């Protein structure tokens, strides 16, 4: 199995967990933040969805110029965007050749490169960052009045998948 195939395999395994966490966000509490310096639940969830869209641009064009946008009003819109974007990334990865996986890419902010590496390293980096943000959200869910879904095993609120 190549690293590209392994990355795609891991993404396919993680996506249902992302969806469970995003769907666990209580709709009425999307503006929750545990501290004034923290991002809101909606902002973190939207980051997860937008990272997938940015990764798709990277896969298609070799670079992306990051632009932060405000999250939609509902958790359902965030979930839909995440599902649509992650499916598009997986479809792009399924047709990517190993040579393209090794090509250099650039993540830009305000037109200036802030991260340059291979497309493969970007795919892994984006996945790890999204998992980090998913972990942040799980710490928000219970104080928001929701139930934390199982991730890699049971949570205090969910005995896990059977």
N, C-alpha and C. Protein backbone atom coordinates (compact mmCIF):
# COMPACT_ATOMS: atom_id res chain seq x y z
N UNK A 1 0.85 -1.18 0.00
CA UNK A 1 0.00 0.00 0.00
C UNK A 1 0.90 1.24 0.00
N UNK A 2 0.64 2.17 -0.91
CA UNK A 2 1.40 3.41 -0.96
C UNK A 2 0.91 4.35 0.14
N UNK A 3 1.68 5.41 0.38
CA UNK A 3 1.24 6.39 1.38
C UNK A 3 -0.03 7.10 0.91
N UNK A 4 -0.17 7.30 -0.39
CA UNK A 4 -1.40 7.89 -0.93
C UNK A 4 -2.59 6.98 -0.63
N UNK A 5 -2.44 5.70 -0.90
CA UNK A 5 -3.52 4.75 -0.62
C UNK A 5 -3.84 4.70 0.87
N UNK A 6 -2.81 4.74 1.70
CA UNK A 6 -3.00 4.70 3.15
C UNK A 6 -3.71 5.96 3.63
N UNK A 7 -3.32 7.11 3.09
CA UNK A 7 -3.98 8.37 3.47
C UNK A 7 -5.46 8.32 3.10
N UNK A 8 -5.76 7.88 1.92
CA UNK A 8 -7.15 7.76 1.48
C UNK A 8 -7.91 6.78 2.37
N UNK A 9 -7.30 5.68 2.72
CA UNK A 9 -7.91 4.70 3.61
C UNK A 9 -8.22 5.32 4.98
N UNK A 10 -7.26 6.06 5.54
CA UNK A 10 -7.47 6.69 6.85
C UNK A 10 -8.54 7.77 6.78
N UNK A 11 -8.56 8.55 5.70
CA UNK A 11 -9.58 9.58 5.54
C UNK A 11 -10.97 8.92 5.53
N UNK A 12 -11.11 7.85 4.77
CA UNK A 12 -12.41 7.17 4.68
C UNK A 12 -12.83 6.64 6.04
N UNK A 13 -11.88 6.23 6.86
CA UNK A 13 -12.20 5.74 8.20
C UNK A 13 -12.58 6.88 9.14
N UNK A 14 -11.97 8.05 8.97
CA UNK A 14 -12.20 9.18 9.88
C UNK A 14 -13.46 9.99 9.55
N UNK A 15 -13.86 10.04 8.30
CA UNK A 15 -14.97 10.91 7.90
C UNK A 15 -16.26 10.63 8.66
N UNK A 16 -16.68 9.38 8.85
CA UNK A 16 -17.91 9.16 9.63
C UNK A 16 -17.81 9.70 11.06
N UNK A 17 -16.61 9.64 11.64
CA UNK A 17 -16.43 10.17 12.99
C UNK A 17 -16.55 11.69 12.98
N UNK A 18 -15.96 12.34 11.98
CA UNK A 18 -16.13 13.79 11.85
C UNK A 18 -17.61 14.15 11.78
N UNK A 19 -18.35 13.42 10.96
CA UNK A 19 -19.77 13.71 10.79
C UNK A 19 -20.52 13.52 12.11
N UNK A 20 -20.21 12.45 12.85
CA UNK A 20 -20.87 12.24 14.15
C UNK A 20 -20.61 13.41 15.10
N UNK A 21 -19.36 13.88 15.14
CA UNK A 21 -19.03 14.99 16.03
C UNK A 21 -19.73 16.26 15.58
N UNK A 22 -19.70 16.55 14.31
CA UNK A 22 -20.36 17.77 13.81
C UNK A 22 -21.86 17.73 14.07
N UNK A 23 -22.47 16.56 13.88
CA UNK A 23 -23.91 16.42 14.12
C UNK A 23 -24.26 16.48 15.60
N UNK A 24 -23.29 16.25 16.48
CA UNK A 24 -23.54 16.29 17.92
C UNK A 24 -23.57 17.71 18.47
N UNK A 25 -23.19 18.69 17.66
CA UNK A 25 -23.21 20.08 18.14
C UNK A 25 -24.64 20.56 18.34
N UNK A 26 -25.00 20.96 19.56
CA UNK A 26 -26.35 21.48 19.78
C UNK A 26 -26.58 22.77 18.98
N UNK A 27 -27.57 22.73 18.14
CA UNK A 27 -27.87 23.84 17.21
C UNK A 27 -28.00 25.19 17.93
N UNK A 28 -28.62 25.19 19.09
CA UNK A 28 -28.88 26.45 19.80
C UNK A 28 -27.63 27.03 20.47
N UNK A 29 -26.54 26.30 20.45
CA UNK A 29 -25.35 26.73 21.19
C UNK A 29 -24.11 26.89 20.31
N UNK A 30 -24.27 27.11 19.04
CA UNK A 30 -23.13 27.17 18.14
C UNK A 30 -22.18 28.32 18.45
N UNK A 31 -22.64 29.32 19.18
CA UNK A 31 -21.79 30.45 19.53
C UNK A 31 -21.03 30.21 20.84
N UNK A 32 -21.17 29.00 21.40
CA UNK A 32 -20.47 28.66 22.64
C UNK A 32 -18.97 28.74 22.44
N UNK A 33 -18.30 29.30 23.44
CA UNK A 33 -16.84 29.28 23.53
C UNK A 33 -16.51 29.23 25.02
N UNK A 34 -15.56 28.38 25.41
CA UNK A 34 -15.27 28.24 26.84
C UNK A 34 -14.53 29.44 27.44
N UNK A 35 -13.97 30.26 26.60
CA UNK A 35 -13.21 31.43 27.05
C UNK A 35 -13.27 32.47 25.95
N UNK A 36 -13.16 33.72 26.32
CA UNK A 36 -13.28 34.80 25.32
C UNK A 36 -12.23 34.72 24.22
N UNK A 37 -11.08 34.12 24.48
CA UNK A 37 -10.03 34.01 23.46
C UNK A 37 -10.20 32.79 22.58
N UNK A 38 -11.13 31.90 22.93
CA UNK A 38 -11.37 30.69 22.14
C UNK A 38 -12.30 31.00 20.97
N UNK A 39 -12.20 30.20 19.95
CA UNK A 39 -13.12 30.30 18.83
C UNK A 39 -14.44 29.66 19.23
N UNK A 40 -15.51 30.06 18.56
CA UNK A 40 -16.81 29.46 18.85
C UNK A 40 -16.87 28.05 18.26
N UNK A 41 -17.83 27.28 18.74
CA UNK A 41 -18.03 25.93 18.19
C UNK A 41 -18.28 26.01 16.69
N UNK A 42 -19.09 26.97 16.27
CA UNK A 42 -19.39 27.11 14.83
C UNK A 42 -18.12 27.43 14.05
N UNK A 43 -17.27 28.29 14.59
CA UNK A 43 -16.04 28.66 13.89
C UNK A 43 -15.11 27.45 13.75
N UNK A 44 -14.99 26.66 14.80
CA UNK A 44 -14.13 25.48 14.72
C UNK A 44 -14.70 24.45 13.74
N UNK A 45 -16.00 24.22 13.84
CA UNK A 45 -16.64 23.26 12.92
C UNK A 45 -16.49 23.73 11.47
N UNK A 46 -16.66 25.02 11.25
CA UNK A 46 -16.54 25.57 9.90
C UNK A 46 -15.09 25.44 9.40
N UNK A 47 -14.12 25.59 10.29
CA UNK A 47 -12.73 25.39 9.92
C UNK A 47 -12.52 23.99 9.37
N UNK A 48 -13.10 23.01 10.04
CA UNK A 48 -12.97 21.62 9.59
C UNK A 48 -13.54 21.46 8.18
N UNK A 49 -14.71 22.03 7.93
CA UNK A 49 -15.34 21.93 6.61
C UNK A 49 -14.53 22.69 5.55
N UNK A 50 -14.02 23.87 5.91
CA UNK A 50 -13.28 24.69 4.95
C UNK A 50 -11.91 24.12 4.65
N UNK A 51 -11.30 23.45 5.62
CA UNK A 51 -10.00 22.82 5.34
C UNK A 51 -10.13 21.80 4.21
N UNK A 52 -11.24 21.10 4.17
CA UNK A 52 -11.45 20.15 3.09
C UNK A 52 -11.54 20.87 1.75
N UNK A 53 -12.25 22.00 1.72
CA UNK A 53 -12.35 22.77 0.48
C UNK A 53 -10.98 23.30 0.06
N UNK A 54 -10.19 23.76 1.03
CA UNK A 54 -8.84 24.25 0.72
C UNK A 54 -7.95 23.13 0.21
N UNK A 55 -8.06 21.95 0.82
CA UNK A 55 -7.26 20.82 0.36
C UNK A 55 -7.63 20.44 -1.07
N UNK A 56 -8.91 20.52 -1.40
CA UNK A 56 -9.33 20.22 -2.77
C UNK A 56 -8.67 21.18 -3.76
N UNK A 57 -8.64 22.47 -3.43
CA UNK A 57 -7.98 23.44 -4.30
C UNK A 57 -6.49 23.11 -4.43
N UNK A 58 -5.86 22.76 -3.33
CA UNK A 58 -4.45 22.37 -3.37
C UNK A 58 -4.23 21.18 -4.30
N UNK A 59 -5.11 20.18 -4.21
CA UNK A 59 -4.99 19.01 -5.06
C UNK A 59 -5.17 19.35 -6.53
N UNK A 60 -6.07 20.27 -6.81
CA UNK A 60 -6.38 20.63 -8.19
C UNK A 60 -5.39 21.61 -8.79
N UNK A 61 -4.91 22.57 -7.98
CA UNK A 61 -4.10 23.66 -8.53
C UNK A 61 -2.66 23.71 -8.03
N UNK A 62 -2.38 23.00 -6.95
CA UNK A 62 -1.03 23.01 -6.41
C UNK A 62 -0.78 24.08 -5.37
N UNK A 63 -1.72 25.00 -5.21
CA UNK A 63 -1.61 26.01 -4.16
C UNK A 63 -3.01 26.50 -3.80
N UNK A 64 -3.10 27.07 -2.63
CA UNK A 64 -4.36 27.66 -2.18
C UNK A 64 -4.03 28.91 -1.39
N UNK A 65 -4.83 29.95 -1.57
CA UNK A 65 -4.68 31.18 -0.80
C UNK A 65 -5.80 31.19 0.24
N UNK A 66 -5.43 30.93 1.49
CA UNK A 66 -6.39 30.81 2.58
C UNK A 66 -7.13 32.12 2.80
N UNK A 67 -8.44 32.00 2.91
CA UNK A 67 -9.31 33.13 3.25
C UNK A 67 -10.28 32.64 4.32
N UNK A 68 -10.25 33.28 5.47
CA UNK A 68 -11.18 32.90 6.53
C UNK A 68 -12.56 33.47 6.22
N UNK A 69 -13.58 32.65 6.38
CA UNK A 69 -14.95 33.08 6.14
C UNK A 69 -15.80 32.78 7.37
N UNK A 70 -16.89 33.50 7.49
CA UNK A 70 -17.79 33.28 8.61
C UNK A 70 -18.57 31.98 8.41
N UNK A 71 -18.84 31.29 9.50
CA UNK A 71 -19.60 30.05 9.38
C UNK A 71 -21.06 30.31 9.03
N UNK A 72 -21.71 29.33 8.43
CA UNK A 72 -23.15 29.46 8.18
C UNK A 72 -23.91 29.50 9.50
N UNK A 73 -25.18 29.74 9.42
CA UNK A 73 -26.03 29.89 10.62
C UNK A 73 -26.37 28.58 11.30
N UNK A 74 -26.36 27.47 10.55
CA UNK A 74 -26.81 26.21 11.15
C UNK A 74 -25.73 25.13 11.09
N UNK A 75 -25.81 24.23 12.05
CA UNK A 75 -24.90 23.09 12.08
C UNK A 75 -25.14 22.21 10.85
N UNK A 76 -26.39 22.10 10.42
CA UNK A 76 -26.71 21.30 9.24
C UNK A 76 -25.97 21.78 8.00
N UNK A 77 -25.84 23.08 7.84
CA UNK A 77 -25.11 23.62 6.69
C UNK A 77 -23.62 23.28 6.79
N UNK A 78 -23.10 23.31 8.00
CA UNK A 78 -21.69 22.97 8.20
C UNK A 78 -21.47 21.50 7.88
N UNK A 79 -22.35 20.63 8.39
CA UNK A 79 -22.25 19.19 8.12
C UNK A 79 -22.32 18.94 6.62
N UNK A 80 -23.27 19.55 5.94
CA UNK A 80 -23.41 19.36 4.49
C UNK A 80 -22.16 19.79 3.74
N UNK A 81 -21.60 20.94 4.13
CA UNK A 81 -20.38 21.42 3.47
C UNK A 81 -19.23 20.45 3.72
N UNK A 82 -19.11 19.97 4.95
CA UNK A 82 -18.05 19.01 5.26
C UNK A 82 -18.21 17.73 4.43
N UNK A 83 -19.41 17.19 4.40
CA UNK A 83 -19.64 15.96 3.65
C UNK A 83 -19.34 16.15 2.16
N UNK A 84 -19.79 17.25 1.60
CA UNK A 84 -19.57 17.54 0.18
C UNK A 84 -18.06 17.71 -0.09
N UNK A 85 -17.40 18.51 0.74
CA UNK A 85 -15.98 18.79 0.53
C UNK A 85 -15.11 17.55 0.73
N UNK A 86 -15.40 16.78 1.77
CA UNK A 86 -14.58 15.58 2.02
C UNK A 86 -14.77 14.54 0.93
N UNK A 87 -15.98 14.41 0.41
CA UNK A 87 -16.22 13.47 -0.69
C UNK A 87 -15.46 13.92 -1.94
N UNK A 88 -15.43 15.23 -2.20
CA UNK A 88 -14.70 15.74 -3.36
C UNK A 88 -13.20 15.52 -3.21
N UNK A 89 -12.67 15.71 -2.00
CA UNK A 89 -11.24 15.46 -1.76
C UNK A 89 -10.94 13.98 -2.01
N UNK A 90 -11.76 13.10 -1.46
CA UNK A 90 -11.51 11.67 -1.66
C UNK A 90 -11.56 11.30 -3.14
N UNK A 91 -12.51 11.86 -3.86
CA UNK A 91 -12.59 11.58 -5.30
C UNK A 91 -11.33 12.06 -6.01
N UNK A 92 -10.83 13.22 -5.63
CA UNK A 92 -9.60 13.74 -6.24
C UNK A 92 -8.41 12.85 -5.89
N UNK A 93 -8.34 12.40 -4.64
CA UNK A 93 -7.24 11.53 -4.22
C UNK A 93 -7.28 10.18 -4.94
N UNK A 94 -8.48 9.69 -5.21
CA UNK A 94 -8.61 8.40 -5.89
C UNK A 94 -8.05 8.44 -7.31
N UNK A 95 -8.01 9.60 -7.92
CA UNK A 95 -7.50 9.71 -9.29
C UNK A 95 -6.10 10.31 -9.35
N UNK A 96 -5.55 10.67 -8.19
CA UNK A 96 -4.22 11.29 -8.14
C UNK A 96 -3.14 10.24 -8.38
N UNK A 97 -2.17 10.58 -9.18
CA UNK A 97 -1.05 9.68 -9.44
C UNK A 97 0.03 9.91 -8.38
N UNK A 98 0.81 8.88 -8.14
CA UNK A 98 1.87 8.99 -7.14
C UNK A 98 2.82 10.15 -7.43
N UNK A 99 3.07 10.44 -8.70
CA UNK A 99 3.97 11.55 -9.03
C UNK A 99 3.37 12.88 -8.58
N UNK A 100 2.05 13.04 -8.70
CA UNK A 100 1.40 14.27 -8.24
C UNK A 100 1.42 14.35 -6.72
N UNK A 101 1.37 13.22 -6.04
CA UNK A 101 1.44 13.14 -4.57
C UNK A 101 2.77 13.72 -4.08
N UNK A 102 3.82 13.56 -4.89
CA UNK A 102 5.16 14.01 -4.51
C UNK A 102 5.48 15.45 -4.95
N UNK A 103 4.60 16.05 -5.75
CA UNK A 103 4.85 17.42 -6.22
C UNK A 103 4.77 18.40 -5.07
N UNK A 104 5.48 19.50 -5.24
CA UNK A 104 5.46 20.57 -4.23
C UNK A 104 4.18 21.39 -4.39
N UNK A 105 3.69 21.88 -3.26
CA UNK A 105 2.53 22.75 -3.24
C UNK A 105 2.77 23.89 -2.28
N UNK A 106 1.83 24.84 -2.25
CA UNK A 106 1.98 26.00 -1.38
C UNK A 106 0.64 26.38 -0.75
N UNK A 107 0.69 26.63 0.53
CA UNK A 107 -0.44 27.18 1.29
C UNK A 107 -0.10 28.64 1.52
N UNK A 108 -0.96 29.52 1.01
CA UNK A 108 -0.68 30.95 1.03
C UNK A 108 -1.66 31.68 1.95
N UNK A 109 -1.19 32.80 2.46
CA UNK A 109 -2.05 33.74 3.19
C UNK A 109 -1.71 35.12 2.64
N UNK A 110 -2.74 35.82 2.21
CA UNK A 110 -2.54 37.14 1.61
C UNK A 110 -1.53 37.09 0.47
N UNK A 111 -1.58 36.00 -0.31
CA UNK A 111 -0.73 35.87 -1.48
C UNK A 111 0.70 35.48 -1.20
N UNK A 112 1.03 35.25 0.09
CA UNK A 112 2.40 34.89 0.45
C UNK A 112 2.43 33.46 0.97
N UNK A 113 3.38 32.65 0.51
CA UNK A 113 3.46 31.28 0.99
C UNK A 113 3.84 31.23 2.47
N UNK A 114 3.07 30.47 3.25
CA UNK A 114 3.38 30.28 4.67
C UNK A 114 3.71 28.82 4.96
N UNK A 115 3.43 27.96 4.00
CA UNK A 115 3.71 26.53 4.17
C UNK A 115 3.92 25.96 2.79
N UNK A 116 5.07 25.39 2.55
CA UNK A 116 5.38 24.75 1.28
C UNK A 116 5.90 23.34 1.55
N UNK A 117 5.29 22.38 0.92
CA UNK A 117 5.70 20.98 1.08
C UNK A 117 5.08 20.19 -0.06
N UNK A 118 5.15 18.88 0.04
CA UNK A 118 4.55 18.05 -1.01
C UNK A 118 3.04 17.98 -0.82
N UNK A 119 2.35 17.66 -1.88
CA UNK A 119 0.90 17.49 -1.82
C UNK A 119 0.55 16.40 -0.82
N UNK A 120 1.34 15.34 -0.79
CA UNK A 120 1.11 14.27 0.18
C UNK A 120 1.22 14.75 1.62
N UNK A 121 2.25 15.55 1.90
CA UNK A 121 2.41 16.09 3.26
C UNK A 121 1.25 17.02 3.60
N UNK A 122 0.77 17.78 2.62
CA UNK A 122 -0.41 18.62 2.87
C UNK A 122 -1.63 17.77 3.22
N UNK A 123 -1.85 16.70 2.47
CA UNK A 123 -3.02 15.85 2.73
C UNK A 123 -2.98 15.31 4.15
N UNK A 124 -1.81 14.84 4.58
CA UNK A 124 -1.68 14.35 5.96
C UNK A 124 -1.81 15.50 6.96
N UNK A 125 -1.16 16.61 6.68
CA UNK A 125 -1.20 17.75 7.60
C UNK A 125 -2.61 18.28 7.81
N UNK A 126 -3.37 18.36 6.73
CA UNK A 126 -4.75 18.82 6.84
C UNK A 126 -5.59 17.83 7.65
N UNK A 127 -5.36 16.53 7.44
CA UNK A 127 -6.10 15.53 8.21
C UNK A 127 -5.77 15.64 9.69
N UNK A 128 -4.48 15.75 10.02
CA UNK A 128 -4.09 15.85 11.43
C UNK A 128 -4.65 17.12 12.06
N UNK A 129 -4.63 18.23 11.33
CA UNK A 129 -5.17 19.48 11.87
C UNK A 129 -6.67 19.36 12.10
N UNK A 130 -7.37 18.73 11.18
CA UNK A 130 -8.82 18.55 11.35
C UNK A 130 -9.11 17.66 12.56
N UNK A 131 -8.30 16.61 12.76
CA UNK A 131 -8.48 15.75 13.93
C UNK A 131 -8.26 16.56 15.21
N UNK A 132 -7.28 17.43 15.21
CA UNK A 132 -7.04 18.33 16.34
C UNK A 132 -8.28 19.18 16.62
N UNK A 133 -8.84 19.79 15.58
CA UNK A 133 -10.02 20.63 15.76
C UNK A 133 -11.23 19.80 16.18
N UNK A 134 -11.33 18.59 15.70
CA UNK A 134 -12.41 17.69 16.14
C UNK A 134 -12.28 17.45 17.64
N UNK A 135 -11.07 17.26 18.12
CA UNK A 135 -10.85 17.09 19.55
C UNK A 135 -11.28 18.31 20.34
N UNK A 136 -11.00 19.50 19.81
CA UNK A 136 -11.47 20.73 20.46
C UNK A 136 -12.99 20.70 20.59
N UNK A 137 -13.65 20.35 19.50
CA UNK A 137 -15.12 20.33 19.52
C UNK A 137 -15.67 19.34 20.53
N UNK A 138 -15.01 18.20 20.68
CA UNK A 138 -15.53 17.22 21.64
C UNK A 138 -15.48 17.78 23.06
N UNK A 139 -14.51 18.65 23.34
CA UNK A 139 -14.45 19.28 24.66
C UNK A 139 -15.53 20.34 24.83
N UNK A 140 -16.09 20.83 23.75
CA UNK A 140 -17.15 21.83 23.80
C UNK A 140 -18.53 21.20 23.94
N UNK A 141 -18.73 20.02 23.37
CA UNK A 141 -20.08 19.46 23.21
C UNK A 141 -20.83 19.30 24.53
N UNK A 142 -20.23 18.69 25.52
CA UNK A 142 -20.94 18.45 26.78
C UNK A 142 -21.30 19.77 27.47
N UNK A 143 -20.39 20.75 27.59
CA UNK A 143 -20.79 22.03 28.19
C UNK A 143 -21.88 22.76 27.39
N UNK A 144 -21.98 22.42 26.10
CA UNK A 144 -23.03 23.01 25.25
C UNK A 144 -24.37 22.33 25.48
N UNK A 145 -24.37 21.24 26.26
CA UNK A 145 -25.61 20.51 26.52
C UNK A 145 -25.80 19.30 25.62
N UNK A 146 -24.78 18.95 24.84
CA UNK A 146 -24.87 17.81 23.93
C UNK A 146 -24.23 16.56 24.51
N UNK A 147 -24.24 15.54 23.70
CA UNK A 147 -23.65 14.26 24.08
C UNK A 147 -22.46 13.98 23.16
N UNK A 148 -21.33 13.64 23.76
CA UNK A 148 -20.12 13.39 23.00
C UNK A 148 -20.21 12.00 22.36
N UNK A 149 -20.12 11.94 21.03
CA UNK A 149 -20.18 10.63 20.37
C UNK A 149 -18.89 9.85 20.57
N UNK A 150 -18.97 8.55 20.33
CA UNK A 150 -17.75 7.75 20.38
C UNK A 150 -16.83 8.21 19.25
N UNK A 151 -15.55 8.14 19.50
CA UNK A 151 -14.57 8.52 18.49
C UNK A 151 -13.82 7.25 18.09
N UNK A 152 -12.88 6.80 18.92
CA UNK A 152 -12.15 5.56 18.66
C UNK A 152 -12.60 4.46 19.61
N UNK A 153 -13.56 4.78 20.40
CA UNK A 153 -14.10 3.84 21.38
C UNK A 153 -15.18 4.58 22.14
N UNK A 154 -15.71 3.98 23.19
CA UNK A 154 -16.80 4.61 23.92
C UNK A 154 -16.43 5.98 24.50
N UNK A 155 -17.42 6.83 24.61
CA UNK A 155 -17.28 8.09 25.34
C UNK A 155 -18.16 7.97 26.58
N UNK A 156 -18.15 8.98 27.43
CA UNK A 156 -19.00 8.99 28.61
C UNK A 156 -20.48 9.05 28.24
N UNK A 157 -20.77 9.42 27.00
CA UNK A 157 -22.16 9.57 26.55
C UNK A 157 -22.59 8.52 25.53
N UNK A 158 -21.63 7.83 24.93
CA UNK A 158 -21.93 6.91 23.82
C UNK A 158 -21.09 5.66 23.98
N UNK A 159 -21.73 4.49 24.12
CA UNK A 159 -20.97 3.26 24.32
C UNK A 159 -20.19 2.82 23.08
N UNK A 160 -20.39 3.49 21.96
CA UNK A 160 -19.65 3.14 20.76
C UNK A 160 -20.50 2.40 19.76
N UNK A 161 -19.89 2.19 18.60
CA UNK A 161 -20.59 1.50 17.51
C UNK A 161 -20.54 0.00 17.75
N UNK A 162 -21.63 -0.67 17.44
CA UNK A 162 -21.63 -2.12 17.60
C UNK A 162 -21.34 -2.81 16.29
